[in-house]
Amino acid sequence: MNIDGHEIAWNMIRLAFASVADMAVVPMQDLMSLGNEARMNFPGKVGGYWCWRFNWQMVHSNISQRLIELVEIYGRFPADQPASSQQSIEVEQA
């Protein structure tokens, strides 16, 4: 695994997908490689938590391809779907 810190959020996402855990949960802010401006929690600060929101125009199209690659590499297919099936994964926009 080539980890140089250049894309620290995606390095952590890769580690989550490589984990032996049954499920990998990744914050949307990390998928979008956002910084402190998108934090939902500031320890020691009172109020204003969980207010961050996104819209689909903020999401770069390459995110889905990167996720597909990680799903394939680490075998994180849904339990009811065999790894050999090739389905296109599309982001449903609200």
C-alpha atoms as a PDB file:
ATOM      1  CA  MET A   1       0.000   0.000   0.000  1.00  0.00           C
ATOM      2  CA  ASN A   2       1.531   3.296  -1.080  1.00  0.00           C
ATOM      3  CA  ILE A   3       0.705   5.862   1.604  1.00  0.00           C
ATOM      4  CA  ASP A   4       2.521   9.164   1.334  1.00  0.00           C
ATOM      5  CA  GLY A   5       0.078  11.493   3.116  1.00  0.00           C
ATOM      6  CA  HIS A   6      -0.805  13.362  -0.074  1.00  0.00           C
ATOM      7  CA  GLU A   7      -4.412  12.157   0.105  1.00  0.00           C
ATOM      8  CA  ILE A   8      -4.689  11.373   3.790  1.00  0.00           C
ATOM      9  CA  ALA A   9      -8.494  11.025   3.734  1.00  0.00           C
ATOM     10  CA  TRP A  10      -8.350   8.475   0.907  1.00  0.00           C
ATOM     11  CA  ASN A  11      -5.516   6.654   2.677  1.00  0.00           C
ATOM     12  CA  MET A  12      -7.835   6.260   5.680  1.00  0.00           C
ATOM     13  CA  ILE A  13     -10.727   5.197   3.430  1.00  0.00           C
ATOM     14  CA  ARG A  14      -8.512   2.520   1.875  1.00  0.00           C
ATOM     15  CA  LEU A  15      -7.543   1.285   5.353  1.00  0.00           C
ATOM     16  CA  ALA A  16     -11.224   1.117   6.356  1.00  0.00           C
ATOM     17  CA  PHE A  17     -12.052  -0.957   3.271  1.00  0.00           C
ATOM     18  CA  ALA A  18      -9.010  -3.200   3.895  1.00  0.00           C
ATOM     19  CA  SER A  19     -10.160  -3.875   7.468  1.00  0.00           C
ATOM     20  CA  VAL A  20     -11.501  -7.280   8.514  1.00  0.00           C
ATOM     21  CA  ALA A  21     -14.618  -5.527   9.852  1.00  0.00           C
ATOM     22  CA  ASP A  22     -17.966  -6.529   8.362  1.00  0.00           C
ATOM     23  CA  MET A  23     -18.743  -2.947   7.422  1.00  0.00           C
ATOM     24  CA  ALA A  24     -16.728   0.122   6.415  1.00  0.00           C
ATOM     25  CA  VAL A  25     -18.340   3.473   7.224  1.00  0.00           C
ATOM     26  CA  VAL A  26     -16.760   6.573   5.739  1.00  0.00           C
ATOM     27  CA  PRO A  27     -17.785  10.203   6.338  1.00  0.00           C
ATOM     28  CA  MET A  28     -18.926  12.039   3.222  1.00  0.00           C
ATOM     29  CA  GLN A  29     -16.480  14.833   4.043  1.00  0.00           C
ATOM     30  CA  ASP A  30     -13.611  12.353   3.710  1.00  0.00           C
ATOM     31  CA  LEU A  31     -14.917  11.022   0.394  1.00  0.00           C
ATOM     32  CA  MET A  32     -15.007  14.613  -0.843  1.00  0.00           C
ATOM     33  CA  SER A  33     -11.520  15.355   0.618  1.00  0.00           C
ATOM     34  CA  LEU A  34     -12.830  18.369   2.513  1.00  0.00           C
ATOM     35  CA  GLY A  35     -11.004  20.131   5.323  1.00  0.00           C
ATOM     36  CA  ASN A  36     -11.938  21.741   8.623  1.00  0.00           C
ATOM     37  CA  GLU A  37     -14.611  23.875   6.954  1.00  0.00           C
ATOM     38  CA  ALA A  38     -16.780  20.740   6.738  1.00  0.00           C
ATOM     39  CA  ARG A  39     -16.282  19.415  10.276  1.00  0.00           C
ATOM     40  CA  MET A  40     -19.400  18.407  12.189  1.00  0.00           C
ATOM     41  CA  ASN A  41     -17.829  18.282  15.627  1.00  0.00           C
ATOM     42  CA  PHE A  42     -15.366  20.569  17.378  1.00  0.00           C
ATOM     43  CA  PRO A  43     -14.453  19.138  20.801  1.00  0.00           C
ATOM     44  CA  GLY A  44     -14.863  21.735  23.532  1.00  0.00           C
ATOM     45  CA  LYS A  45     -17.203  23.932  21.488  1.00  0.00           C
ATOM     46  CA  VAL A  46     -20.807  24.223  22.627  1.00  0.00           C
ATOM     47  CA  GLY A  47     -23.551  24.082  19.987  1.00  0.00           C
ATOM     48  CA  GLY A  48     -23.618  24.100  16.224  1.00  0.00           C
ATOM     49  CA  TYR A  49     -22.986  20.377  15.842  1.00  0.00           C
ATOM     50  CA  TRP A  50     -24.224  18.213  13.002  1.00  0.00           C
ATOM     51  CA  CYS A  51     -25.102  21.177  10.782  1.00  0.00           C
ATOM     52  CA  TRP A  52     -22.897  20.364   7.783  1.00  0.00           C
ATOM     53  CA  ARG A  53     -24.816  19.550   4.602  1.00  0.00           C
ATOM     54  CA  PHE A  54     -23.869  18.780   1.025  1.00  0.00           C
ATOM     55  CA  ASN A  55     -25.608  18.787  -2.321  1.00  0.00           C
ATOM     56  CA  TRP A  56     -24.818  16.545  -5.270  1.00  0.00           C
ATOM     57  CA  GLN A  57     -23.254  19.403  -7.245  1.00  0.00           C
ATOM     58  CA  MET A  58     -20.454  19.412  -4.645  1.00  0.00           C
ATOM     59  CA  VAL A  59     -19.573  15.759  -5.345  1.00  0.00           C
ATOM     60  CA  HIS A  60     -16.897  15.098  -7.955  1.00  0.00           C
ATOM     61  CA  SER A  61     -17.698  12.367 -10.478  1.00  0.00           C
ATOM     62  CA  ASN A  62     -14.472  10.465  -9.766  1.00  0.00           C
ATOM     63  CA  ILE A  63     -15.603   9.539  -6.240  1.00  0.00           C
ATOM     64  CA  SER A  64     -17.865   6.722  -7.436  1.00  0.00           C
ATOM     65  CA  GLN A  65     -15.094   5.241  -9.586  1.00  0.00           C
ATOM     66  CA  ARG A  66     -12.654   5.312  -6.680  1.00  0.00           C
ATOM     67  CA  LEU A  67     -15.218   3.597  -4.441  1.00  0.00           C
ATOM     68  CA  ILE A  68     -15.913   0.933  -7.072  1.00  0.00           C
ATOM     69  CA  GLU A  69     -12.178   0.197  -7.256  1.00  0.00           C
ATOM     70  CA  LEU A  70     -11.949  -0.222  -3.473  1.00  0.00           C
ATOM     71  CA  VAL A  71     -15.050  -2.449  -3.402  1.00  0.00           C
ATOM     72  CA  GLU A  72     -13.491  -4.668  -6.070  1.00  0.00           C
ATOM     73  CA  ILE A  73     -10.019  -4.760  -4.498  1.00  0.00           C
ATOM     74  CA  TYR A  74     -11.251  -5.591  -0.998  1.00  0.00           C
ATOM     75  CA  GLY A  75     -14.299  -7.684  -1.916  1.00  0.00           C
ATOM     76  CA  ARG A  76     -16.823  -5.448  -0.190  1.00  0.00           C
ATOM     77  CA  PHE A  77     -19.785  -6.502  -2.301  1.00  0.00           C
ATOM     78  CA  PRO A  78     -23.279  -6.663  -0.780  1.00  0.00           C
ATOM     79  CA  ALA A  79     -23.933 -10.033   0.872  1.00  0.00           C
ATOM     80  CA  ASP A  80     -26.702 -10.866  -1.604  1.00  0.00           C
ATOM     81  CA  GLN A  81     -24.553 -10.068  -4.652  1.00  0.00           C
ATOM     82  CA  PRO A  82     -21.745 -12.355  -5.836  1.00  0.00           C
ATOM     83  CA  ALA A  83     -18.359 -10.742  -6.358  1.00  0.00           C
ATOM     84  CA  SER A  84     -18.295 -11.917  -9.972  1.00  0.00           C
ATOM     85  CA  SER A  85     -21.317  -9.859 -11.012  1.00  0.00           C
ATOM     86  CA  GLN A  86     -20.489  -6.689 -12.876  1.00  0.00           C
ATOM     87  CA  GLN A  87     -23.087  -4.086 -12.122  1.00  0.00           C
ATOM     88  CA  SER A  88     -22.707  -0.410 -12.687  1.00  0.00           C
ATOM     89  CA  ILE A  89     -23.004   1.589  -9.527  1.00  0.00           C
ATOM     90  CA  GLU A  90     -24.800   4.861  -9.936  1.00  0.00           C
ATOM     91  CA  VAL A  91     -25.294   7.589  -7.391  1.00  0.00           C
ATOM     92  CA  GLU A  92     -28.968   8.311  -6.954  1.00  0.00           C
ATOM     93  CA  GLN A  93     -29.356  12.041  -6.819  1.00  0.00           C
ATOM     94  CA  ALA A  94     -31.969  13.483  -4.526  1.00  0.00           C
END
